[in-house]
Amino acid sequence: MSTTNIPAAPSKSAANIVHEAIDERQYVRTRINARVRLSSGGQTAFETQLQDISLGGIGLLHEAPLKIGALYDASIQLRLNQVDLAIEGKVRIVSQRGNEVGAQFVDLDAQKRDILRYIITAYMSGEIADINGLFNVMQRENYIKERKHKHATARTPGARLKAMAGTLLYTAAGLAALGFVGYKGYLLFFRIPAVQAQVATNVQIISMPDNGYVKYLLPAGTTEVQAGQPLASISTQLATSFTSPADMKAVADLAPGDLQALLGRATIETVINSPCDCQVYYPSQPLNGYGYKDAPLMHLLPKDQGLFVRANVPFDKLEDVSRVRSVDMQVFGLDQHYSGKVVDARVDEVNRNLALTIQPDSPLPAAAYQKAVAVDLFLGLPFASAN
């Protein structure tokens, strides 16, 4: 509730109107069930209802208009536990709006102020109840809240639908976040990613026996060879050295032409044949020309043995290998995912980690040989024993 305070003295300027909320006034006001009797000089006394009261003044409910600035002798009559209490004082009418009248205490002595302060405190703390049995502190709290908050109104179907959609959206977002956190936790505790992995097999590697010239004998585009089929022709010089008296005696017995060929390091032609029925893989582009010793020429992949994956994991994961329940593999360049089973574990002394041999459940294509592989090992529960 707001009151309008208008000065009693007339002024040519506009009235100074101050709107002041009940919970922001200088003195705390409270509602008390009481009557007020007003009288002024020779005028007839009249009674009115007390709306609220404070140490600074009182609020009245009076239908008839009262003169602003008029002084009245006020007698506030309270009924406390079947005891009538009257507080006498003088008030000045400072405002009136409709039937709401604001009056200010004038020359209220200290004793009456103490009595009034005690009564207000008792009503505010709930020590004194009104005739309806309600604590005044509850009435004041509800009165303030009613001024500060709007009344609740029924929602329209559109508002209800909007609220439901928002609730569902936030619920779905929360569940998605919870699922994401759970999935990441599962990957953290129940997955071992391979440090590196590659498709391999029990291969035979054909290399240069010595520095020399190489000529590939297979037609272009050949992918399979038979046992005994010529693969490449190697031309190298015969390296001769004499290290003992017997070598010198053997040289002396040679014919002059043979000795000249020996000392001139004659060129030796060698043909390399396939040792098996295999598939051919070239680690580099097959070009005829000069090659260095131990340089790989081609890999021969046995037809009767499939491809497998060799994966490296940290050595501290050795104890967890027995808990591996499933393996997911994806070869670079292939869209299909392959499952498999760990069949062997060895120490890789070169990389200082653990080398696992994984046999895929379905055959890998020959084109996947030596391709990089993404490998994830998924673990079972710690107390579950391996089959």
Protein backbone atom coordinates (compact mmCIF):
# COMPACT_ATOMS: atom_id res chain seq x y z
CA MET A 1 0.00 0.00 0.00
CA SER A 2 1.29 3.49 -0.89
CA THR A 3 0.24 6.73 0.79
CA THR A 4 0.35 10.26 -0.58
CA ASN A 5 1.81 12.83 1.79
CA ILE A 6 0.63 16.44 1.09
CA PRO A 7 2.00 19.27 3.29
CA ALA A 8 -0.55 21.12 5.38
CA ALA A 9 0.84 24.60 4.60
CA PRO A 10 -0.47 26.03 1.34
CA SER A 11 2.04 26.64 -1.41
CA LYS A 12 1.96 28.04 -4.91
CA SER A 13 4.20 25.23 -6.16
CA ALA A 14 2.96 21.76 -6.95
CA ALA A 15 2.25 19.46 -4.02
CA ASN A 16 5.16 17.30 -2.96
CA ILE A 17 3.77 13.82 -3.49
CA VAL A 18 5.82 10.90 -2.10
CA HIS A 19 4.92 7.27 -2.81
CA GLU A 20 6.36 5.04 -0.14
CA ALA A 21 5.94 1.25 0.16
CA ILE A 22 4.92 -0.19 3.52
CA ASP A 23 8.14 -2.17 3.87
CA GLU A 24 10.26 0.94 3.13
CA ARG A 25 8.82 3.44 5.69
CA GLN A 26 10.79 5.01 8.48
CA TYR A 27 8.69 3.22 11.11
CA VAL A 28 7.44 -0.32 10.97
CA ARG A 29 3.66 -0.46 10.62
CA THR A 30 1.38 -3.29 11.59
CA ARG A 31 -2.32 -3.95 11.57
CA ILE A 32 -4.11 -4.02 14.93
CA ASN A 33 -7.77 -4.68 15.56
CA ALA A 34 -8.68 -1.40 17.26
CA ARG A 35 -10.96 1.62 17.09
CA VAL A 36 -9.94 5.29 17.11
CA ARG A 37 -12.03 8.11 18.58
CA LEU A 38 -11.29 11.56 17.14
CA SER A 39 -12.38 14.90 18.60
CA SER A 40 -11.40 18.50 17.88
CA GLY A 41 -12.33 21.51 20.04
CA GLY A 42 -16.08 21.91 20.20
CA GLN A 43 -16.80 19.52 17.35
CA THR A 44 -18.66 16.29 17.94
CA ALA A 45 -16.38 13.32 18.50
CA PHE A 46 -16.61 10.42 16.03
CA GLU A 47 -15.17 6.93 15.81
CA THR A 48 -13.34 5.33 12.90
CA GLN A 49 -11.56 2.07 12.23
CA LEU A 50 -7.80 1.74 12.65
CA GLN A 51 -6.12 0.41 9.52
CA ASP A 52 -2.49 0.28 10.67
CA ILE A 53 -0.27 1.93 13.25
CA SER A 54 3.37 2.87 13.76
CA LEU A 55 5.46 5.06 16.01
CA GLY A 56 5.09 7.85 13.46
CA GLY A 57 1.36 7.79 12.89
CA ILE A 58 -1.79 5.83 12.14
CA GLY A 59 -3.79 4.83 9.11
CA LEU A 60 -7.60 5.20 9.32
CA LEU A 61 -10.57 4.03 7.31
CA HIS A 62 -13.09 6.87 7.20
CA GLU A 63 -15.67 7.60 4.51
CA ALA A 64 -16.28 11.29 5.25
CA PRO A 65 -13.69 13.79 4.04
CA LEU A 66 -11.35 15.28 6.62
CA LYS A 67 -9.49 18.55 6.37
CA ILE A 68 -5.80 18.14 5.52
CA GLY A 69 -3.65 19.63 8.28
CA ALA A 70 -6.41 19.52 10.93
CA LEU A 71 -5.43 18.53 14.47
CA TYR A 72 -7.46 15.97 16.39
CA ASP A 73 -7.33 14.47 19.85
CA ALA A 74 -7.10 10.71 19.19
CA SER A 75 -7.97 7.92 21.60
CA ILE A 76 -6.77 4.53 20.36
CA GLN A 77 -8.86 1.84 22.06
CA LEU A 78 -7.44 -1.70 22.04
CA ARG A 79 -8.92 -4.90 23.44
CA LEU A 80 -6.12 -7.09 24.91
CA ASN A 81 -7.09 -10.31 26.64
CA GLN A 82 -10.41 -8.87 27.89
CA VAL A 83 -8.61 -5.73 29.07
CA ASP A 84 -9.41 -2.38 27.46
CA LEU A 85 -6.37 -0.21 26.79
CA ALA A 86 -6.63 3.37 25.60
CA ILE A 87 -3.71 5.42 24.27
CA GLU A 88 -4.34 9.13 24.13
CA GLY A 89 -2.52 11.36 21.74
CA LYS A 90 -2.79 14.20 19.24
CA VAL A 91 -2.66 13.56 15.49
CA ARG A 92 -2.56 15.70 12.36
CA ILE A 93 -4.36 14.65 9.18
CA VAL A 94 -1.71 14.57 6.42
CA SER A 95 -3.44 12.71 3.58
CA GLN A 96 -6.71 11.21 2.42
CA ARG A 97 -7.37 9.10 -0.64
CA GLY A 98 -10.85 7.69 -0.82
CA ASN A 99 -11.61 6.16 2.54
CA GLU A 100 -7.91 5.79 3.46
CA VAL A 101 -6.70 8.53 5.80
CA GLY A 102 -3.13 9.12 6.95
CA ALA A 103 -2.54 10.79 10.31
CA GLN A 104 0.70 11.77 12.04
CA PHE A 105 1.36 11.76 15.77
CA VAL A 106 2.06 15.15 17.28
CA ASP A 107 3.92 15.53 20.60
CA LEU A 108 3.66 11.86 21.61
CA ASP A 109 5.44 11.55 24.96
CA ALA A 110 8.11 8.92 25.69
CA GLN A 111 5.90 6.74 27.92
CA LYS A 112 3.19 6.38 25.30
CA ARG A 113 5.80 5.71 22.64
CA ASP A 114 7.22 2.89 24.78
CA ILE A 115 3.76 1.37 25.25
CA LEU A 116 3.03 1.69 21.55
CA ARG A 117 6.42 0.19 20.68
CA TYR A 118 5.74 -2.81 22.91
CA ILE A 119 2.30 -3.40 21.39
CA ILE A 120 3.67 -3.23 17.83
CA THR A 121 6.54 -5.57 18.73
CA ALA A 122 4.15 -8.04 20.35
CA TYR A 123 1.94 -8.10 17.26
CA MET A 124 4.89 -8.46 14.94
CA SER A 125 6.41 -11.35 16.92
CA GLY A 126 3.09 -13.16 17.24
CA GLU A 127 2.78 -12.84 21.00
CA ILE A 128 -0.57 -11.12 20.54
CA ALA A 129 -3.22 -12.52 18.16
CA ASP A 130 -6.22 -10.71 16.79
CA ILE A 131 -9.81 -11.86 17.22
CA ASN A 132 -9.53 -14.23 14.24
CA GLY A 133 -6.69 -16.11 15.92
CA LEU A 134 -4.14 -15.21 13.20
CA PHE A 135 -0.71 -13.93 13.99
CA ASN A 136 -0.22 -10.43 12.82
CA VAL A 137 3.28 -11.17 11.51
CA MET A 138 1.70 -13.57 9.02
CA GLN A 139 -0.76 -10.91 7.89
CA ARG A 140 2.01 -8.42 7.29
CA GLU A 141 4.11 -10.89 5.28
CA ASN A 142 1.18 -11.80 3.06
CA TYR A 143 0.30 -8.14 2.63
CA ILE A 144 3.80 -7.28 1.36
CA LYS A 145 3.99 -10.29 -0.93
CA GLU A 146 0.68 -9.40 -2.47
CA ARG A 147 2.09 -5.99 -3.43
CA LYS A 148 5.31 -7.40 -4.89
CA HIS A 149 4.03 -10.41 -6.84
CA LYS A 150 1.41 -10.81 -9.48
CA HIS A 151 -1.42 -13.22 -9.02
CA ALA A 152 -0.90 -16.58 -10.70
CA THR A 153 -2.98 -16.99 -13.81
CA ALA A 154 -3.97 -20.18 -15.58
CA ARG A 155 -1.67 -21.17 -18.43
CA THR A 156 -2.93 -21.36 -21.96
CA PRO A 157 -2.54 -24.62 -23.97
CA GLY A 158 0.25 -22.99 -25.97
CA ALA A 159 2.13 -22.03 -22.81
CA ARG A 160 1.71 -25.54 -21.41
CA LEU A 161 2.99 -27.05 -24.67
CA LYS A 162 5.94 -24.67 -24.67
CA ALA A 163 6.79 -25.53 -21.06
CA MET A 164 6.53 -29.26 -21.81
CA ALA A 165 8.74 -28.91 -24.89
CA GLY A 166 11.34 -27.00 -22.88
CA THR A 167 11.27 -29.61 -20.13
CA LEU A 168 11.72 -32.43 -22.65
CA LEU A 169 14.54 -30.55 -24.36
CA TYR A 170 16.46 -29.98 -21.14
CA THR A 171 15.83 -33.58 -20.07
CA ALA A 172 17.14 -34.90 -23.39
CA ALA A 173 20.20 -32.65 -23.16
CA GLY A 174 20.88 -33.86 -19.61
CA LEU A 175 20.53 -37.52 -20.62
CA ALA A 176 22.80 -36.99 -23.63
CA ALA A 177 25.45 -35.37 -21.43
CA LEU A 178 25.15 -38.18 -18.90
CA GLY A 179 25.46 -40.78 -21.65
CA PHE A 180 28.50 -39.03 -23.11
CA VAL A 181 30.22 -38.94 -19.72
CA GLY A 182 29.39 -42.62 -19.16
CA TYR A 183 30.74 -43.58 -22.60
CA LYS A 184 33.97 -41.67 -22.01
CA GLY A 185 34.34 -43.35 -18.62
CA TYR A 186 33.82 -46.76 -20.22
CA LEU A 187 36.50 -46.05 -22.83
CA LEU A 188 38.87 -44.86 -20.12
CA PHE A 189 38.61 -47.96 -17.93
CA PHE A 190 37.63 -50.73 -20.37
CA ARG A 191 39.53 -49.94 -23.59
CA ILE A 192 43.18 -50.31 -24.62
CA PRO A 193 44.08 -48.48 -27.84
CA ALA A 194 47.07 -49.85 -29.73
CA VAL A 195 50.11 -47.58 -29.95
CA GLN A 196 50.71 -48.84 -33.51
CA ALA A 197 49.40 -51.72 -35.59
CA GLN A 198 50.03 -53.16 -39.06
CA VAL A 199 48.74 -55.99 -41.23
CA ALA A 200 51.39 -58.75 -41.48
CA THR A 201 51.87 -62.42 -42.35
CA ASN A 202 54.58 -65.10 -42.39
CA VAL A 203 56.27 -63.59 -45.43
CA GLN A 204 59.42 -64.54 -47.36
CA ILE A 205 61.49 -61.53 -48.36
CA ILE A 206 63.67 -61.61 -51.50
CA SER A 207 66.62 -59.21 -51.09
CA MET A 208 69.73 -58.23 -53.05
CA PRO A 209 72.58 -60.66 -52.25
CA ASP A 210 75.23 -58.02 -53.03
CA ASN A 211 75.68 -54.70 -54.73
CA GLY A 212 74.84 -55.05 -58.41
CA TYR A 213 72.23 -54.72 -61.10
CA VAL A 214 68.75 -56.22 -60.90
CA LYS A 215 66.29 -57.05 -63.65
CA TYR A 216 62.75 -58.14 -62.78
CA LEU A 217 61.58 -61.11 -64.83
CA LEU A 218 57.86 -61.08 -63.92
CA PRO A 219 55.42 -59.48 -66.35
CA ALA A 220 53.84 -56.22 -65.25
CA GLY A 221 50.71 -56.71 -63.14
CA THR A 222 51.66 -60.22 -61.94
CA THR A 223 50.26 -60.88 -58.46
CA GLU A 224 50.89 -64.63 -58.05
CA VAL A 225 53.88 -66.88 -58.81
CA GLN A 226 54.47 -70.62 -58.84
CA ALA A 227 57.28 -72.50 -57.11
CA GLY A 228 60.45 -72.41 -59.27
CA GLN A 229 59.25 -69.51 -61.42
CA PRO A 230 62.06 -66.98 -62.19
CA LEU A 231 61.62 -63.76 -60.30
CA ALA A 232 64.67 -61.57 -60.99
CA SER A 233 68.13 -61.66 -62.52
CA ILE A 234 71.05 -60.30 -60.47
CA SER A 235 74.39 -59.21 -61.95
CA THR A 236 77.27 -58.77 -59.48
CA GLN A 237 81.05 -58.66 -59.67
CA LEU A 238 83.04 -61.52 -58.14
CA ALA A 239 84.93 -60.17 -55.14
CA THR A 240 88.34 -61.97 -54.90
CA SER A 241 90.75 -61.96 -51.97
CA PHE A 242 93.89 -63.99 -51.20
CA THR A 243 94.41 -64.70 -47.53
CA SER A 244 96.63 -67.81 -47.29
CA PRO A 245 99.61 -69.55 -49.00
CA ALA A 246 97.20 -72.13 -50.42
CA ASP A 247 95.33 -69.30 -52.21
CA MET A 248 98.62 -68.15 -53.76
CA LYS A 249 99.48 -71.70 -54.93
CA ALA A 250 96.00 -72.05 -56.50
CA VAL A 251 96.50 -68.76 -58.36
CA ALA A 252 99.83 -69.98 -59.73
CA ASP A 253 98.16 -73.08 -61.17
CA LEU A 254 95.55 -71.04 -63.10
CA ALA A 255 95.77 -70.51 -66.82
CA PRO A 256 96.66 -66.96 -67.89
CA GLY A 257 93.10 -66.26 -69.16
CA ASP A 258 91.48 -67.50 -65.98
CA LEU A 259 93.92 -65.49 -63.87
CA GLN A 260 93.09 -62.33 -65.82
CA ALA A 261 89.34 -62.91 -65.35
CA LEU A 262 89.84 -63.55 -61.65
CA LEU A 263 91.91 -60.45 -61.05
CA GLY A 264 89.54 -58.33 -63.17
CA ARG A 265 86.59 -59.34 -60.97
CA ALA A 266 84.41 -60.84 -63.63
CA THR A 267 80.63 -60.24 -63.57
CA ILE A 268 78.48 -63.12 -62.27
CA GLU A 269 74.87 -63.57 -63.45
CA THR A 270 72.38 -65.05 -60.92
CA VAL A 271 68.68 -65.85 -61.38
CA ILE A 272 66.41 -65.91 -58.29
CA ASN A 273 63.48 -68.37 -58.49
CA SER A 274 60.31 -68.45 -56.36
CA PRO A 275 60.51 -70.89 -53.43
CA CYS A 276 56.70 -71.31 -53.13
CA ASP A 277 53.29 -70.76 -54.61
CA CYS A 278 52.81 -67.26 -53.28
CA GLN A 279 51.34 -63.85 -53.85
CA VAL A 280 53.76 -61.12 -54.84
CA TYR A 281 54.02 -57.79 -53.00
CA TYR A 282 56.50 -55.08 -54.00
CA PRO A 283 57.60 -52.87 -51.08
CA SER A 284 58.61 -50.20 -53.62
CA GLN A 285 58.16 -49.55 -57.32
CA PRO A 286 59.89 -52.44 -59.22
CA LEU A 287 62.50 -50.70 -61.40
CA ASN A 288 65.36 -52.37 -63.24
CA GLY A 289 68.71 -50.88 -62.26
CA TYR A 290 71.42 -50.82 -59.69
CA GLY A 291 70.62 -52.15 -56.25
CA TYR A 292 72.44 -52.27 -52.93
CA LYS A 293 73.11 -55.28 -50.76
CA ASP A 294 70.18 -56.43 -48.56
CA ALA A 295 67.73 -54.09 -50.30
CA PRO A 296 64.31 -55.85 -50.38
CA LEU A 297 63.13 -56.68 -53.90
CA MET A 298 59.76 -58.33 -53.23
CA HIS A 299 57.72 -60.07 -50.54
CA LEU A 300 56.23 -63.51 -51.15
CA LEU A 301 52.98 -64.09 -49.23
CA PRO A 302 51.99 -67.75 -48.75
CA LYS A 303 48.56 -68.56 -50.17
CA ASP A 304 47.74 -71.13 -47.50
CA GLN A 305 48.27 -68.65 -44.64
CA GLY A 306 45.99 -65.69 -44.08
CA LEU A 307 46.90 -62.21 -42.97
CA PHE A 308 46.92 -61.17 -39.33
CA VAL A 309 47.48 -57.93 -37.40
CA ARG A 310 50.50 -57.20 -35.26
CA ALA A 311 49.69 -54.48 -32.70
CA ASN A 312 51.90 -52.82 -30.07
CA VAL A 313 50.56 -51.74 -26.67
CA PRO A 314 52.33 -50.42 -23.54
CA PHE A 315 54.05 -53.19 -21.60
CA ASP A 316 52.17 -52.32 -18.39
CA LYS A 317 48.98 -53.59 -20.08
CA LEU A 318 50.25 -57.19 -20.03
CA GLU A 319 48.03 -58.12 -17.07
CA ASP A 320 44.96 -56.75 -18.88
CA VAL A 321 45.49 -58.79 -22.05
CA SER A 322 43.83 -61.80 -20.43
CA ARG A 323 40.68 -59.67 -19.89
CA VAL A 324 40.29 -58.80 -23.57
CA ARG A 325 36.76 -59.81 -24.63
CA SER A 326 36.54 -58.18 -28.07
CA VAL A 327 38.78 -56.51 -30.61
CA ASP A 328 37.78 -53.84 -33.11
CA MET A 329 40.07 -53.22 -36.10
CA GLN A 330 39.82 -50.88 -39.07
CA VAL A 331 42.39 -51.07 -41.84
CA PHE A 332 43.41 -47.80 -43.42
CA GLY A 333 41.65 -47.43 -46.75
CA LEU A 334 38.91 -49.96 -45.95
CA ASP A 335 35.48 -48.98 -44.66
CA GLN A 336 34.74 -52.35 -43.03
CA HIS A 337 35.46 -52.98 -39.35
CA TYR A 338 36.95 -56.35 -38.43
CA SER A 339 36.76 -58.26 -35.17
CA GLY A 340 39.45 -60.62 -33.98
CA LYS A 341 41.12 -62.48 -31.17
CA VAL A 342 44.49 -62.07 -29.48
CA VAL A 343 46.48 -65.28 -30.14
CA ASP A 344 49.98 -64.33 -29.02
CA ALA A 345 51.90 -61.75 -27.00
CA ARG A 346 55.63 -61.11 -27.28
CA VAL A 347 58.13 -58.49 -26.20
CA ASP A 348 59.10 -56.04 -28.93
CA GLU A 349 62.70 -55.25 -27.98
CA VAL A 350 63.05 -52.63 -30.69
CA ASN A 351 60.09 -50.48 -29.55
CA ARG A 352 60.30 -51.54 -25.88
CA ASN A 353 56.63 -52.47 -25.62
CA LEU A 354 54.31 -55.46 -25.96
CA ALA A 355 53.64 -56.91 -29.44
CA LEU A 356 50.28 -58.70 -29.83
CA THR A 357 49.31 -61.00 -32.67
CA ILE A 358 45.61 -60.64 -33.52
CA GLN A 359 43.87 -63.16 -35.76
CA PRO A 360 40.88 -61.59 -37.54
CA ASP A 361 37.56 -63.46 -37.52
CA SER A 362 37.10 -62.86 -41.27
CA PRO A 363 39.94 -62.98 -43.86
CA LEU A 364 41.66 -59.72 -44.72
CA PRO A 365 42.15 -58.89 -48.42
CA ALA A 366 45.65 -59.23 -49.84
CA ALA A 367 45.62 -55.50 -50.62
CA ALA A 368 45.62 -54.80 -46.86
CA TYR A 369 49.14 -56.22 -46.39
CA GLN A 370 51.41 -53.78 -44.50
CA LYS A 371 48.59 -51.23 -44.17
CA ALA A 372 48.22 -49.33 -40.91
CA VAL A 373 45.38 -50.48 -38.63
CA ALA A 374 43.43 -48.75 -35.85
CA VAL A 375 43.02 -51.34 -33.07
CA ASP A 376 40.91 -51.08 -29.91
CA LEU A 377 40.97 -53.82 -27.29
CA PHE A 378 37.86 -53.93 -25.10
CA LEU A 379 38.18 -55.47 -21.64
CA GLY A 380 35.77 -57.46 -19.55
CA LEU A 381 35.18 -57.09 -15.81
CA PRO A 382 38.25 -57.59 -13.62
CA PHE A 383 36.76 -60.59 -11.77
CA ALA A 384 35.68 -62.36 -14.97
CA SER A 385 38.05 -65.18 -15.88
CA ALA A 386 39.32 -65.64 -19.41
CA ASN A 387 37.89 -68.53 -21.45
